[in-house]
Amino acid sequence: MKESQLRENIVLQGKSIFQRGLTAGSSGNISVRLDDGWLLTPTNSCLGELDPAKLSKLDWAGNLLDGDPPSKEHFLHNAVYQQRPSCEAVVHLHSTHSVAVSCLPDVNPENVIPPLTAYYVMRVGTLPLIPYFRPGDQKLGAAIAQLAGKHSSVLLANHGPVVAGTSLEAAVYAIEELEETAKLYLLLHGANPRCLTEEQITELKT
């Protein structure tokens, strides 16, 4: 896909994400890999009002090549790309139900949400929790890098999900599935729900 098409796709997906209430205000950011760097939504930008010409274009050292200044969380995206060569896009949101789950004290940090549905297992898989860091703290990049090689999705404590995909659409679909499953998890919290068995999970992965 040409860079111009990728720019338009970021705008299209960002508007869809915003209009459906998956992130609010100027929160959340989207990035896509290019042949000569990567695109990222600018700092303080609303995902519902993006301008394709103003998207930040960066090199792999984090230098701005074109467009408006990038999101202060650019290092978060870069950490995922460096650990996942097959990754073509990264989406980070402050989606309400996922953030709510990230604030719970009794979750399993190695796999925050249990395997409630087949689509969650197929699109998200295992979801580790990354400890809280102040927004913009560079240490968060190192924490993500430790897990991104094995996990396409992570949940930042008291912050929100970060999801990688083999395309922007794949990343968006996965983060939407995560948000819907987080909603289910909150509805079922404390109810001892029936989860998929290890055998059922293995069958989905074959």
Foldseek 3Di string as FASTA:
>chain_A
DDLLVVLVVQLVLLLVCVVVQQADQQFKKKKFADPAFIWIAAARDRSNDDDSQQTFGAGLVGDTDHHHHHHLCVLQVSLLCVLDVLFGMKIWHQGPLLLVLLADPPADQFARFFAADLVLCLQFNGEHEQEADPPSPNVNSVSCNVCSNPGQKYAYRNGTIMGTDSGRVSRSVNRVVVSVSSVVCVVCPPVPDDHDDPVRSVVSVD
